[in-house]
């Protein structure tokens, strides 16, 4: 089976071709910021990016007719269970009127369907960030007002892919295991995987440990005070929390490798304190998810870019090693995970319906 995979980012679009589970082509398309700024909304970029993808495919010797399916990255859709979904009219409607805001990832499914419809093949998306498999008790926050329920937003695609990989290495099915998976990237998310479902997770937008430039859980009263400082606007507060917080706010860099090198090679105390602080916060998140699983945990898994930093993982492990064995899968294979999801759907003839 041959699958075209499309993963749009803020200023780039990655595309791959997979033959079965083997990657045979990878191209990164960079988009000029000035070009993207012409479009008032993310979805308005779709024709421009679609043409760029089609051109790259043709330049690499492929035609759309060569593919059995096209799979795009999923975005901020309605909350749905994990799985491979066929892109239908309901998906397109929610991309054009996104329920949880605009994000470049929304374009993955949109572009996939635009291209797939040209040759009559299916378009899919797999495990978007809005995957929600919470148990009801996990939805309660500390404030019983509408709109304050805890929500499930996390790196679902990589979580699920790594969960299956770890299960294979453990000689069991993913659905047989209780796992704590820690995605350690620019954003971080720690989730409790119970017998194949993510029953709780630190919402990457609101909770848990700080990321490289995102805030995690924040002191509520201090946040209220920040919002009402003179000259502060909603947009500015969101920018601070989402782009200027976390490790960056302490160190002035968003590159974790710089933080580690300066901490250990140069003895930089500021860098070392930030390095230790994010490890400490992640350890607390792991402990919380262990409690969710009643401390019946088969493995704790580290994945994402920061998982390459052994010293970092060792610090976290020093806090949580008594909970369960540690498994480390550095980096992430989003493109392969998308292809595998599409291939599962094609092989079994089964996919989920988005409603």
Protein backbone atom coordinates (compact mmCIF):
# COMPACT_ATOMS: atom_id res chain seq x y z
CA UNK A 1 0.00 0.00 0.00
CA UNK A 2 1.18 3.49 -0.80
CA UNK A 3 0.19 6.46 1.38
CA UNK A 4 0.90 10.17 1.03
CA UNK A 5 1.27 11.88 4.43
CA UNK A 6 0.85 15.64 4.96
CA UNK A 7 1.80 17.51 8.14
CA UNK A 8 1.39 21.31 8.02
CA UNK A 9 3.27 23.48 10.52
CA UNK A 10 3.20 27.19 11.22
CA UNK A 11 5.65 28.09 8.42
CA UNK A 12 6.26 24.74 6.72
CA UNK A 13 4.53 21.68 5.33
CA UNK A 14 6.14 18.26 5.66
CA UNK A 15 5.17 15.51 3.25
CA UNK A 16 6.19 11.85 3.09
CA UNK A 17 5.40 8.84 0.96
CA UNK A 18 5.18 5.45 2.64
CA UNK A 19 5.10 2.09 0.89
CA UNK A 20 3.53 -0.10 3.53
CA UNK A 21 5.39 1.06 6.66
CA UNK A 22 8.57 2.08 4.85
CA UNK A 23 9.27 5.75 4.22
CA UNK A 24 10.42 6.21 0.62
CA UNK A 25 10.19 9.99 0.25
CA UNK A 26 10.36 12.98 2.60
CA UNK A 27 10.17 16.65 1.64
CA UNK A 28 9.96 19.76 3.78
CA UNK A 29 8.34 22.78 2.15
CA UNK A 30 9.21 26.11 3.75
CA UNK A 31 6.71 28.94 3.34
CA UNK A 32 7.67 32.59 3.42
CA UNK A 33 6.08 34.39 6.35
CA UNK A 34 5.14 37.27 4.05
CA UNK A 35 3.22 34.86 1.81
CA UNK A 36 1.28 33.33 4.70
CA UNK A 37 0.44 36.76 6.11
CA UNK A 38 -1.64 37.46 3.01
CA UNK A 39 -4.30 35.11 4.34
CA UNK A 40 -6.58 36.39 7.12
CA UNK A 41 -7.40 32.90 8.42
CA UNK A 42 -5.45 29.64 8.54
CA UNK A 43 -7.99 27.84 6.34
CA UNK A 44 -7.48 30.48 3.65
CA UNK A 45 -3.96 29.10 3.17
CA UNK A 46 -5.34 25.77 1.95
CA UNK A 47 -5.25 26.41 -1.85
CA UNK A 48 -1.71 27.83 -1.64
CA UNK A 49 -0.41 24.93 0.45
CA UNK A 50 -2.31 22.35 -1.61
CA UNK A 51 -0.57 23.53 -4.77
CA UNK A 52 2.80 23.42 -3.01
CA UNK A 53 2.18 19.82 -1.93
CA UNK A 54 1.01 18.77 -5.39
CA UNK A 55 4.09 20.35 -6.97
CA UNK A 56 6.44 18.56 -4.54
CA UNK A 57 4.74 15.22 -5.19
CA UNK A 58 5.05 15.60 -8.95
CA UNK A 59 8.67 16.80 -8.75
CA UNK A 60 9.52 13.60 -6.91
CA UNK A 61 8.06 11.43 -9.63
CA UNK A 62 4.67 10.61 -8.15
CA UNK A 63 1.09 11.14 -9.31
CA UNK A 64 -1.95 11.26 -7.05
CA UNK A 65 -3.19 8.14 -8.82
CA UNK A 66 -0.22 6.24 -7.34
CA UNK A 67 -1.61 6.42 -3.81
CA UNK A 68 -4.12 4.23 -2.00
CA UNK A 69 -4.90 6.98 0.51
CA UNK A 70 -3.78 10.39 1.73
CA UNK A 71 -3.40 11.04 5.45
CA UNK A 72 -3.19 14.52 6.96
CA UNK A 73 -2.35 15.72 10.46
CA UNK A 74 -5.44 16.33 12.61
CA UNK A 75 -6.02 19.61 14.41
CA UNK A 76 -8.26 21.39 16.89
CA UNK A 77 -11.49 19.61 16.06
CA UNK A 78 -14.20 18.51 18.46
CA UNK A 79 -13.12 16.15 21.21
CA UNK A 80 -13.15 12.59 19.85
CA UNK A 81 -11.81 9.16 20.88
CA UNK A 82 -8.49 7.93 19.55
CA UNK A 83 -8.43 6.36 16.11
CA UNK A 84 -8.12 6.80 12.37
CA UNK A 85 -10.90 8.97 10.94
CA UNK A 86 -12.03 9.43 7.37
CA UNK A 87 -12.23 13.09 6.40
CA UNK A 88 -15.89 13.85 5.71
CA UNK A 89 -18.05 16.95 5.33
CA UNK A 90 -18.38 17.32 9.11
CA UNK A 91 -14.59 17.53 9.44
CA UNK A 92 -14.38 20.15 6.72
CA UNK A 93 -17.13 22.17 8.39
CA UNK A 94 -15.23 22.20 11.68
CA UNK A 95 -11.98 23.16 9.97
CA UNK A 96 -13.70 26.10 8.36
CA UNK A 97 -15.35 27.03 11.69
CA UNK A 98 -12.90 25.60 14.25
CA UNK A 99 -14.50 24.96 17.66
CA UNK A 100 -11.24 25.39 19.59
CA UNK A 101 -9.39 27.91 17.47
CA UNK A 102 -7.14 27.96 14.46
CA UNK A 103 -3.95 25.97 14.13
CA UNK A 104 -1.86 25.06 11.10
CA UNK A 105 -2.42 21.36 11.87
CA UNK A 106 -6.10 21.87 10.98
CA UNK A 107 -5.00 22.09 7.35
CA UNK A 108 -3.68 18.52 7.24
CA UNK A 109 -7.08 16.88 6.87
CA UNK A 110 -8.32 19.73 4.66
CA UNK A 111 -5.48 19.40 2.14
CA UNK A 112 -5.67 15.60 2.25
CA UNK A 113 -9.32 15.64 1.21
CA UNK A 114 -8.76 18.26 -1.49
CA UNK A 115 -6.14 16.05 -3.13
CA UNK A 116 -7.81 12.69 -2.47
CA UNK A 117 -11.09 13.83 -4.04
CA UNK A 118 -9.27 14.52 -7.29
CA UNK A 119 -8.59 10.81 -7.79
CA UNK A 120 -11.34 9.17 -5.72
CA UNK A 121 -9.26 7.76 -2.87
CA UNK A 122 -9.91 8.10 0.89
CA UNK A 123 -8.46 10.88 3.02
CA UNK A 124 -7.74 10.20 6.70
CA UNK A 125 -6.45 11.86 9.84
CA UNK A 126 -5.16 10.07 12.96
CA UNK A 127 -5.17 10.85 16.70
CA UNK A 128 -5.42 14.65 16.64
CA UNK A 129 -4.52 16.81 19.66
CA UNK A 130 -8.22 16.88 20.67
CA UNK A 131 -8.40 13.13 21.43
CA UNK A 132 -10.52 12.71 24.56
CA UNK A 133 -10.84 9.43 26.45
CA UNK A 134 -11.17 10.92 29.94
CA UNK A 135 -13.02 9.17 32.69
CA UNK A 136 -15.75 11.52 33.90
CA UNK A 137 -14.12 12.17 37.26
CA UNK A 138 -11.08 13.61 35.47
CA UNK A 139 -13.15 16.46 34.04
CA UNK A 140 -13.68 18.16 37.40
CA UNK A 141 -11.60 21.26 38.06
CA UNK A 142 -11.48 23.32 41.22
CA UNK A 143 -14.20 25.68 40.02
CA UNK A 144 -17.68 24.40 39.24
CA UNK A 145 -18.57 26.94 36.56
CA UNK A 146 -19.38 26.22 32.90
CA UNK A 147 -16.22 26.45 30.83
CA UNK A 148 -13.93 25.45 33.69
CA UNK A 149 -14.06 21.71 33.06
CA UNK A 150 -10.67 20.10 32.50
CA UNK A 151 -10.13 19.29 28.84
CA UNK A 152 -8.04 16.80 26.93
CA UNK A 153 -5.50 18.43 24.62
CA UNK A 154 -2.18 16.65 24.23
CA UNK A 155 0.33 15.10 21.82
CA UNK A 156 -2.02 12.21 21.14
CA UNK A 157 -0.43 11.07 17.89
CA UNK A 158 2.99 10.51 19.44
CA UNK A 159 1.57 9.20 22.74
CA UNK A 160 -0.45 6.50 21.00
CA UNK A 161 2.34 5.56 18.59
CA UNK A 162 4.92 5.24 21.36
CA UNK A 163 2.45 3.35 23.53
CA UNK A 164 2.05 0.72 20.82
CA UNK A 165 5.80 0.56 20.28
CA UNK A 166 6.49 0.07 24.00
CA UNK A 167 3.80 -2.59 24.23
CA UNK A 168 5.42 -4.49 21.37
CA UNK A 169 8.79 -4.31 23.14
CA UNK A 170 7.12 -5.60 26.32
CA UNK A 171 5.56 -8.47 24.40
CA UNK A 172 2.00 -7.38 25.13
CA UNK A 173 -0.84 -5.50 23.47
CA UNK A 174 -1.16 -1.78 24.19
CA UNK A 175 -4.70 -2.51 25.41
CA UNK A 176 -3.31 -4.84 28.13
CA UNK A 177 -1.02 -2.28 29.78
CA UNK A 178 -1.11 0.65 32.17
CA UNK A 179 1.46 3.22 31.06
CA UNK A 180 2.54 6.72 31.98
CA UNK A 181 3.78 8.42 28.82
CA UNK A 182 5.69 11.69 28.96
CA UNK A 183 5.98 13.68 25.74
CA UNK A 184 8.99 15.93 26.28
CA UNK A 185 9.09 18.43 23.43
CA UNK A 186 8.59 22.17 23.03
CA UNK A 187 5.34 21.48 24.83
CA UNK A 188 5.13 18.70 27.39
CA UNK A 189 2.29 16.34 28.28
CA UNK A 190 2.12 13.52 30.82
CA UNK A 191 -0.73 11.04 30.47
CA UNK A 192 -2.17 7.99 32.21
CA UNK A 193 -2.82 5.26 29.62
CA UNK A 194 -5.13 2.63 31.09
CA UNK A 195 -5.67 -0.47 28.97
CA UNK A 196 -5.47 1.44 25.69
CA UNK A 197 -7.21 4.68 26.72
CA UNK A 198 -5.81 7.98 27.95
CA UNK A 199 -7.98 8.44 31.01
CA UNK A 200 -6.22 11.59 32.25
CA UNK A 201 -3.58 13.97 30.95
CA UNK A 202 -2.11 17.32 31.84
CA UNK A 203 -3.73 19.56 29.22
CA UNK A 204 -0.77 20.88 27.27
CA UNK A 205 -2.45 24.29 26.99
CA UNK A 206 -3.28 24.81 30.67
CA UNK A 207 -1.71 22.43 33.15
CA UNK A 208 1.22 20.47 34.42
CA UNK A 209 4.92 21.17 34.00
CA UNK A 210 6.15 24.18 32.10
CA UNK A 211 7.37 23.62 28.57
CA UNK A 212 10.19 25.32 26.73
CA UNK A 213 8.12 28.44 26.09
CA UNK A 214 4.65 27.58 27.46
CA UNK A 215 3.41 28.00 30.97
CA UNK A 216 2.11 25.01 32.88
CA UNK A 217 -0.01 25.13 36.03
CA UNK A 218 0.03 28.71 37.34
CA UNK A 219 -0.79 30.40 40.67
CA UNK A 220 -4.38 31.54 40.13
CA UNK A 221 -4.24 34.79 42.11
CA UNK A 222 -0.96 35.87 40.57
CA UNK A 223 -2.41 35.20 37.12
CA UNK A 224 -5.47 37.33 37.91
CA UNK A 225 -3.18 40.15 39.03
CA UNK A 226 -1.18 39.88 35.79
CA UNK A 227 -4.36 40.13 33.71
CA UNK A 228 -5.34 43.38 35.41
CA UNK A 229 -1.98 45.12 35.21
CA UNK A 230 -2.11 48.48 33.46
CA UNK A 231 -1.79 48.12 29.70
CA UNK A 232 -2.30 44.35 29.75
CA UNK A 233 -4.61 42.88 27.10
CA UNK A 234 -6.05 39.43 26.56
CA UNK A 235 -3.80 38.93 23.53
CA UNK A 236 -0.70 39.95 25.49
CA UNK A 237 -1.50 37.62 28.40
CA UNK A 238 -2.04 34.73 25.98
CA UNK A 239 1.25 35.52 24.24
CA UNK A 240 3.11 35.57 27.55
CA UNK A 241 1.63 32.26 28.71
CA UNK A 242 1.84 30.50 25.34
CA UNK A 243 5.06 31.84 23.81
CA UNK A 244 7.17 33.63 26.42
CA UNK A 245 6.78 31.47 29.53
CA UNK A 246 8.36 28.22 30.70
CA UNK A 247 12.09 27.60 30.43
CA UNK A 248 12.42 30.55 28.06
CA UNK A 249 11.17 32.99 30.68
CA UNK A 250 14.00 31.95 33.03
CA UNK A 251 16.82 31.44 30.54
CA UNK A 252 16.12 33.51 27.43
CA UNK A 253 16.42 30.49 25.13
CA UNK A 254 13.94 27.99 23.70
CA UNK A 255 16.68 25.51 22.80
CA UNK A 256 16.93 22.84 25.48
CA UNK A 257 20.33 21.78 24.19
CA UNK A 258 21.66 25.25 25.00
CA UNK A 259 20.21 25.03 28.51
CA UNK A 260 21.83 21.65 29.12
CA UNK A 261 25.22 22.62 27.68
CA UNK A 262 25.45 25.85 29.67
CA UNK A 263 24.25 24.16 32.84
CA UNK A 264 26.73 21.28 32.78
CA UNK A 265 29.63 22.49 30.63
CA UNK A 266 29.75 26.09 31.83
CA UNK A 267 28.29 25.72 35.31
CA UNK A 268 25.62 28.33 34.60
CA UNK A 269 23.48 28.41 37.75
CA UNK A 270 20.42 29.98 36.08
CA UNK A 271 20.42 27.29 33.39
CA UNK A 272 20.94 24.52 35.94
CA UNK A 273 18.07 25.75 38.09
CA UNK A 274 15.70 25.81 35.10
CA UNK A 275 16.95 22.38 33.98
CA UNK A 276 16.26 20.93 37.41
CA UNK A 277 12.93 22.75 37.80
CA UNK A 278 11.32 21.31 34.68
CA UNK A 279 12.54 17.81 35.64
CA UNK A 280 11.06 18.31 39.12
CA UNK A 281 7.71 19.46 37.73
CA UNK A 282 7.53 16.55 35.31
CA UNK A 283 8.27 14.12 38.14
CA UNK A 284 5.32 15.55 40.07
CA UNK A 285 3.09 15.08 37.02
CA UNK A 286 4.22 11.46 36.73
CA UNK A 287 3.43 10.92 40.39
CA UNK A 288 -0.06 12.32 39.88
CA UNK A 289 -0.71 10.02 36.93
CA UNK A 290 0.61 7.07 38.92
CA UNK A 291 -2.06 7.84 41.53
CA UNK A 292 -4.70 7.97 38.76
CA UNK A 293 -3.62 4.43 37.83
CA UNK A 294 -3.65 3.41 41.54
CA UNK A 295 0.12 2.83 41.23
CA UNK A 296 -0.53 -0.18 38.99
CA UNK A 297 1.91 0.94 36.30
CA UNK A 298 3.70 -1.33 33.82
CA UNK A 299 6.14 1.31 32.55
CA UNK A 300 6.95 5.01 32.48
CA UNK A 301 7.89 6.16 28.99
CA UNK A 302 9.91 9.20 27.92
CA UNK A 303 9.55 10.43 24.34
CA UNK A 304 10.00 13.65 22.36
CA UNK A 305 13.07 15.78 21.68
CA UNK A 306 14.13 16.31 25.31
CA UNK A 307 14.21 12.54 25.81
CA UNK A 308 17.53 12.59 23.93
CA UNK A 309 19.02 14.33 27.01
CA UNK A 310 20.01 11.36 29.19
CA UNK A 311 21.02 13.56 32.12
CA UNK A 312 17.58 15.14 32.06
CA UNK A 313 15.81 11.78 31.98
CA UNK A 314 18.08 10.51 34.75
CA UNK A 315 16.99 13.36 37.05
CA UNK A 316 13.31 12.60 36.45
CA UNK A 317 14.00 8.90 36.94
CA UNK A 318 15.64 9.59 40.30
CA UNK A 319 12.25 10.82 41.56
CA UNK A 320 9.96 8.18 40.03
CA UNK A 321 12.00 5.01 39.55
CA UNK A 322 10.19 3.21 42.37
CA UNK A 323 6.87 3.59 40.54
CA UNK A 324 7.69 1.49 37.45
CA UNK A 325 10.49 0.66 34.99
CA UNK A 326 11.55 3.49 32.68
CA UNK A 327 11.54 3.15 28.87
CA UNK A 328 12.98 5.84 26.61
CA UNK A 329 12.02 6.51 22.97
CA UNK A 330 13.70 9.82 22.02
CA UNK A 331 12.24 11.95 19.26
CA UNK A 332 8.92 11.43 17.60
CA UNK A 333 7.72 9.73 14.43
CA UNK A 334 4.57 11.64 13.61
CA UNK A 335 4.76 10.98 9.88
CA UNK A 336 5.15 7.24 10.37
CA UNK A 337 2.35 7.23 12.96
CA UNK A 338 0.03 8.91 10.45
CA UNK A 339 0.96 6.40 7.75
CA UNK A 340 0.48 3.46 10.11
CA UNK A 341 -2.98 4.73 11.07
CA UNK A 342 -4.01 4.99 7.42
CA UNK A 343 -2.60 1.56 6.62
CA UNK A 344 -4.50 0.01 9.55
CA UNK A 345 -7.70 1.51 8.17
CA UNK A 346 -7.02 0.31 4.64
CA UNK A 347 -6.03 -3.18 5.81
CA UNK A 348 -8.99 -3.73 8.11
CA UNK A 349 -11.53 -1.73 6.14
CA UNK A 350 -12.46 -0.01 9.41
CA UNK A 351 -12.14 3.62 10.43
CA UNK A 352 -13.97 5.97 12.76
CA UNK A 353 -16.72 8.31 11.62
CA UNK A 354 -16.45 11.96 12.64
CA UNK A 355 -19.89 13.37 13.47
